[in-house]
Amino acid sequence: SDNDIAILPAFYNNKLEYIYYEYIESLNKNDFSELLSLIPEIENIKKFFKIREGSIHEHSLSFPLYEEDKIIQKFRDIAYNLKIVIPFNWMKWKEGEELYNRNIEYLDLDIITLCKLITVIIRNDRFCEGFLIDAFENRKILKLLYAIKAKFDEDRNTIFV
């Protein structure tokens, strides 16, 4: 059943990938409501991180760290719990890299592609610390959430109030 999908985002095989696709396509607006409820909060945040200063002590050095705003962990948790972090070969997904780097609204993308982009951002953050913060800062996450919301809204223009 859909609820039995394991969360194995680092694991990849075609069969599992397509099970996730079928699952995601079966989701409705209510399923996405917790994720979409983050939109107003994200819209109101100006800075998605704080810098914790580094220090030098005898025999040790600590570098400055980016401390994520709590909304980022909330977003990550909801994405994993909703099971929209898809196990696919995201590192070799050239189309995704091109889509991410373009300054677009994502409204013409299907729900699978939107979830794949969210996956790329979340998974890339594990290897490149701060990638998810940057996706919030440059409003990519907000644009992806708007696009997901638009999939369930009759009038796409209502989401940009």
C-alpha atoms as a PDB file:
ATOM      1  CA  SER A   1       0.000   0.000   0.000  1.00  0.00           C
ATOM      2  CA  ASP A   2       1.011   3.657  -0.353  1.00  0.00           C
ATOM      3  CA  ASN A   3       1.658   3.999   3.357  1.00  0.00           C
ATOM      4  CA  ASP A   4       4.211   1.190   3.183  1.00  0.00           C
ATOM      5  CA  ILE A   5       6.620   3.159   1.008  1.00  0.00           C
ATOM      6  CA  ALA A   6       9.945   3.182   2.770  1.00  0.00           C
ATOM      7  CA  ILE A   7      11.890   6.410   2.958  1.00  0.00           C
ATOM      8  CA  LEU A   8      15.078   5.453   1.161  1.00  0.00           C
ATOM      9  CA  PRO A   9      16.154   8.603  -0.665  1.00  0.00           C
ATOM     10  CA  ALA A  10      19.793   7.539  -1.027  1.00  0.00           C
ATOM     11  CA  PHE A  11      18.782   4.235  -2.609  1.00  0.00           C
ATOM     12  CA  TYR A  12      17.984   4.105  -6.294  1.00  0.00           C
ATOM     13  CA  ASN A  13      16.348   1.601  -8.582  1.00  0.00           C
ATOM     14  CA  ASN A  14      13.811   2.055 -11.367  1.00  0.00           C
ATOM     15  CA  LYS A  15      11.075   0.014  -9.718  1.00  0.00           C
ATOM     16  CA  LEU A  16      11.194   1.994  -6.479  1.00  0.00           C
ATOM     17  CA  GLU A  17      11.356   5.253  -8.391  1.00  0.00           C
ATOM     18  CA  TYR A  18       8.143   4.430 -10.271  1.00  0.00           C
ATOM     19  CA  ILE A  19       6.388   3.301  -7.085  1.00  0.00           C
ATOM     20  CA  TYR A  20       7.085   6.791  -5.737  1.00  0.00           C
ATOM     21  CA  TYR A  21       5.785   8.366  -8.966  1.00  0.00           C
ATOM     22  CA  GLU A  22       2.506   6.462  -8.673  1.00  0.00           C
ATOM     23  CA  TYR A  23       2.241   7.381  -5.004  1.00  0.00           C
ATOM     24  CA  ILE A  24       2.884  11.095  -5.628  1.00  0.00           C
ATOM     25  CA  GLU A  25       0.385  11.187  -8.498  1.00  0.00           C
ATOM     26  CA  SER A  26      -2.216   9.732  -6.117  1.00  0.00           C
ATOM     27  CA  LEU A  27      -1.806  12.610  -3.642  1.00  0.00           C
ATOM     28  CA  ASN A  28      -4.422  15.351  -3.470  1.00  0.00           C
ATOM     29  CA  LYS A  29      -4.545  18.920  -2.176  1.00  0.00           C
ATOM     30  CA  ASN A  30      -5.369  17.719   1.328  1.00  0.00           C
ATOM     31  CA  ASP A  31      -2.261  15.496   1.333  1.00  0.00           C
ATOM     32  CA  PHE A  32      -0.137  18.540   0.476  1.00  0.00           C
ATOM     33  CA  SER A  33      -1.935  20.865   2.923  1.00  0.00           C
ATOM     34  CA  GLU A  34       0.743  20.732   5.637  1.00  0.00           C
ATOM     35  CA  LEU A  35       3.477  21.529   3.124  1.00  0.00           C
ATOM     36  CA  LEU A  36       1.438  24.283   1.452  1.00  0.00           C
ATOM     37  CA  SER A  37       0.549  25.780   4.834  1.00  0.00           C
ATOM     38  CA  LEU A  38       4.210  26.858   5.079  1.00  0.00           C
ATOM     39  CA  ILE A  39       3.768  29.392   2.246  1.00  0.00           C
ATOM     40  CA  PRO A  40       2.623  32.376   4.367  1.00  0.00           C
ATOM     41  CA  GLU A  41       5.377  31.802   6.916  1.00  0.00           C
ATOM     42  CA  ILE A  42       8.038  31.518   4.203  1.00  0.00           C
ATOM     43  CA  GLU A  43       6.701  34.669   2.510  1.00  0.00           C
ATOM     44  CA  ASN A  44       7.186  36.617   5.746  1.00  0.00           C
ATOM     45  CA  ILE A  45      10.748  35.501   6.490  1.00  0.00           C
ATOM     46  CA  LYS A  46      13.472  37.800   5.197  1.00  0.00           C
ATOM     47  CA  LYS A  47      16.555  35.844   6.318  1.00  0.00           C
ATOM     48  CA  PHE A  48      16.573  32.041   6.542  1.00  0.00           C
ATOM     49  CA  PHE A  49      19.752  31.664   8.554  1.00  0.00           C
ATOM     50  CA  LYS A  50      21.961  33.095  11.271  1.00  0.00           C
ATOM     51  CA  ILE A  51      25.729  32.913  11.272  1.00  0.00           C
ATOM     52  CA  ARG A  52      27.248  31.399  14.361  1.00  0.00           C
ATOM     53  CA  GLU A  53      30.683  32.886  14.702  1.00  0.00           C
ATOM     54  CA  GLY A  54      33.772  30.724  14.549  1.00  0.00           C
ATOM     55  CA  SER A  55      36.458  30.823  17.194  1.00  0.00           C
ATOM     56  CA  ILE A  56      40.091  30.087  17.800  1.00  0.00           C
ATOM     57  CA  HIS A  57      41.108  28.306  20.978  1.00  0.00           C
ATOM     58  CA  GLU A  58      44.358  26.711  21.971  1.00  0.00           C
ATOM     59  CA  HIS A  59      44.825  23.735  19.588  1.00  0.00           C
ATOM     60  CA  SER A  60      41.411  24.125  17.933  1.00  0.00           C
ATOM     61  CA  LEU A  61      39.654  26.208  15.358  1.00  0.00           C
ATOM     62  CA  SER A  62      35.937  26.330  14.691  1.00  0.00           C
ATOM     63  CA  PHE A  63      34.650  27.874  11.500  1.00  0.00           C
ATOM     64  CA  PRO A  64      31.534  30.041  11.237  1.00  0.00           C
ATOM     65  CA  LEU A  65      28.387  27.965  10.781  1.00  0.00           C
ATOM     66  CA  TYR A  66      25.110  28.743   9.120  1.00  0.00           C
ATOM     67  CA  GLU A  67      22.265  28.045  11.494  1.00  0.00           C
ATOM     68  CA  GLU A  68      19.052  27.297   9.599  1.00  0.00           C
ATOM     69  CA  ASP A  69      15.805  29.021  10.457  1.00  0.00           C
ATOM     70  CA  LYS A  70      13.362  26.535  11.994  1.00  0.00           C
ATOM     71  CA  ILE A  71      11.135  26.734   8.882  1.00  0.00           C
ATOM     72  CA  ILE A  72      13.813  24.902   6.881  1.00  0.00           C
ATOM     73  CA  GLN A  73      13.824  21.877   9.185  1.00  0.00           C
ATOM     74  CA  LYS A  74      10.030  21.976   9.236  1.00  0.00           C
ATOM     75  CA  PHE A  75       9.969  21.939   5.413  1.00  0.00           C
ATOM     76  CA  ARG A  76      12.495  19.083   5.270  1.00  0.00           C
ATOM     77  CA  ASP A  77      10.550  17.017   7.835  1.00  0.00           C
ATOM     78  CA  ILE A  78       7.236  17.519   6.048  1.00  0.00           C
ATOM     79  CA  ALA A  79       8.766  16.606   2.661  1.00  0.00           C
ATOM     80  CA  TYR A  80      10.179  13.367   4.087  1.00  0.00           C
ATOM     81  CA  ASN A  81       6.989  12.533   6.014  1.00  0.00           C
ATOM     82  CA  LEU A  82       4.863  13.205   2.936  1.00  0.00           C
ATOM     83  CA  LYS A  83       7.265  10.944   1.030  1.00  0.00           C
ATOM     84  CA  ILE A  84       7.890  13.345  -1.831  1.00  0.00           C
ATOM     85  CA  VAL A  85      11.663  12.988  -1.573  1.00  0.00           C
ATOM     86  CA  ILE A  86      11.990  10.584  -4.488  1.00  0.00           C
ATOM     87  CA  PRO A  87      14.735   7.955  -4.709  1.00  0.00           C
ATOM     88  CA  PHE A  88      16.095   8.606  -8.188  1.00  0.00           C
ATOM     89  CA  ASN A  89      19.487   9.272  -9.719  1.00  0.00           C
ATOM     90  CA  TRP A  90      19.288  12.995  -9.003  1.00  0.00           C
ATOM     91  CA  MET A  91      22.999  13.674  -9.450  1.00  0.00           C
ATOM     92  CA  LYS A  92      22.745  12.780 -13.149  1.00  0.00           C
ATOM     93  CA  TRP A  93      19.467  14.591 -13.801  1.00  0.00           C
ATOM     94  CA  LYS A  94      20.669  17.299 -16.208  1.00  0.00           C
ATOM     95  CA  GLU A  95      17.151  18.609 -16.925  1.00  0.00           C
ATOM     96  CA  GLY A  96      16.721  19.272 -13.203  1.00  0.00           C
ATOM     97  CA  GLU A  97      19.970  21.199 -13.030  1.00  0.00           C
ATOM     98  CA  GLU A  98      18.862  23.331 -15.985  1.00  0.00           C
ATOM     99  CA  LEU A  99      15.402  23.906 -14.478  1.00  0.00           C
ATOM    100  CA  TYR A 100      16.869  24.847 -11.108  1.00  0.00           C
ATOM    101  CA  ASN A 101      19.303  27.323 -12.626  1.00  0.00           C
ATOM    102  CA  ARG A 102      16.649  29.090 -14.713  1.00  0.00           C
ATOM    103  CA  ASN A 103      14.680  31.923 -13.131  1.00  0.00           C
ATOM    104  CA  ILE A 104      11.194  30.551 -13.805  1.00  0.00           C
ATOM    105  CA  GLU A 105       7.954  30.163 -11.863  1.00  0.00           C
ATOM    106  CA  TYR A 106       7.755  26.340 -12.374  1.00  0.00           C
ATOM    107  CA  LEU A 107       3.997  26.558 -13.078  1.00  0.00           C
ATOM    108  CA  ASP A 108       4.193  24.468 -16.243  1.00  0.00           C
ATOM    109  CA  LEU A 109       5.955  21.543 -14.541  1.00  0.00           C
ATOM    110  CA  ASP A 110       4.100  18.403 -13.518  1.00  0.00           C
ATOM    111  CA  ILE A 111       3.890  17.305  -9.888  1.00  0.00           C
ATOM    112  CA  ILE A 112       6.574  14.613 -10.329  1.00  0.00           C
ATOM    113  CA  THR A 113       9.083  17.125 -11.712  1.00  0.00           C
ATOM    114  CA  LEU A 114       8.287  19.558  -8.886  1.00  0.00           C
ATOM    115  CA  CYS A 115       8.894  16.816  -6.313  1.00  0.00           C
ATOM    116  CA  LYS A 116      12.084  15.784  -8.102  1.00  0.00           C
ATOM    117  CA  LEU A 117      13.344  19.370  -7.832  1.00  0.00           C
ATOM    118  CA  ILE A 118      12.537  19.385  -4.108  1.00  0.00           C
ATOM    119  CA  THR A 119      14.415  16.090  -3.835  1.00  0.00           C
ATOM    120  CA  VAL A 120      17.453  17.535  -5.613  1.00  0.00           C
ATOM    121  CA  ILE A 121      17.532  20.507  -3.255  1.00  0.00           C
ATOM    122  CA  ILE A 122      17.120  18.459  -0.075  1.00  0.00           C
ATOM    123  CA  ARG A 123      19.568  15.733  -1.124  1.00  0.00           C
ATOM    124  CA  ASN A 124      22.143  18.209  -2.436  1.00  0.00           C
ATOM    125  CA  ASP A 125      22.103  19.974   0.933  1.00  0.00           C
ATOM    126  CA  ARG A 126      23.530  16.829   2.524  1.00  0.00           C
ATOM    127  CA  PHE A 127      26.611  17.105   0.329  1.00  0.00           C
ATOM    128  CA  CYS A 128      26.780  20.887  -0.002  1.00  0.00           C
ATOM    129  CA  GLU A 129      25.838  22.460   3.311  1.00  0.00           C
ATOM    130  CA  GLY A 130      23.775  25.583   2.828  1.00  0.00           C
ATOM    131  CA  PHE A 131      22.208  24.544  -0.487  1.00  0.00           C
ATOM    132  CA  LEU A 132      18.747  24.333   1.092  1.00  0.00           C
ATOM    133  CA  ILE A 133      19.239  27.677   2.840  1.00  0.00           C
ATOM    134  CA  ASP A 134      20.150  29.180  -0.542  1.00  0.00           C
ATOM    135  CA  ALA A 135      17.020  27.669  -2.138  1.00  0.00           C
ATOM    136  CA  PHE A 136      14.936  29.420   0.523  1.00  0.00           C
ATOM    137  CA  GLU A 137      16.906  32.671   0.245  1.00  0.00           C
ATOM    138  CA  ASN A 138      16.552  32.880  -3.540  1.00  0.00           C
ATOM    139  CA  ARG A 139      12.829  31.949  -3.271  1.00  0.00           C
ATOM    140  CA  LYS A 140      13.139  28.693  -5.242  1.00  0.00           C
ATOM    141  CA  ILE A 141      11.328  26.747  -2.497  1.00  0.00           C
ATOM    142  CA  LEU A 142       8.536  29.307  -2.425  1.00  0.00           C
ATOM    143  CA  LYS A 143       8.180  29.106  -6.223  1.00  0.00           C
ATOM    144  CA  LEU A 144       8.026  25.292  -6.041  1.00  0.00           C
ATOM    145  CA  LEU A 145       5.340  25.457  -3.349  1.00  0.00           C
ATOM    146  CA  TYR A 146       3.363  27.996  -5.410  1.00  0.00           C
ATOM    147  CA  ALA A 147       3.574  25.638  -8.388  1.00  0.00           C
ATOM    148  CA  ILE A 148       2.383  22.652  -6.332  1.00  0.00           C
ATOM    149  CA  LYS A 149      -0.486  24.748  -4.989  1.00  0.00           C
ATOM    150  CA  ALA A 150      -1.367  25.798  -8.548  1.00  0.00           C
ATOM    151  CA  LYS A 151      -1.772  22.151  -9.530  1.00  0.00           C
ATOM    152  CA  PHE A 152      -4.744  21.999  -7.173  1.00  0.00           C
ATOM    153  CA  ASP A 153      -6.161  25.505  -7.697  1.00  0.00           C
ATOM    154  CA  GLU A 154      -8.557  26.230 -10.527  1.00  0.00           C
ATOM    155  CA  ASP A 155      -7.261  29.743 -11.071  1.00  0.00           C
ATOM    156  CA  ARG A 156      -3.458  29.806 -11.091  1.00  0.00           C
ATOM    157  CA  ASN A 157      -3.370  33.573 -10.603  1.00  0.00           C
ATOM    158  CA  THR A 158      -4.917  33.319  -7.119  1.00  0.00           C
ATOM    159  CA  ILE A 159      -1.711  31.952  -5.617  1.00  0.00           C
ATOM    160  CA  PHE A 160       0.271  35.134  -6.211  1.00  0.00           C
ATOM    161  CA  VAL A 161      -1.639  37.405  -3.868  1.00  0.00           C
END
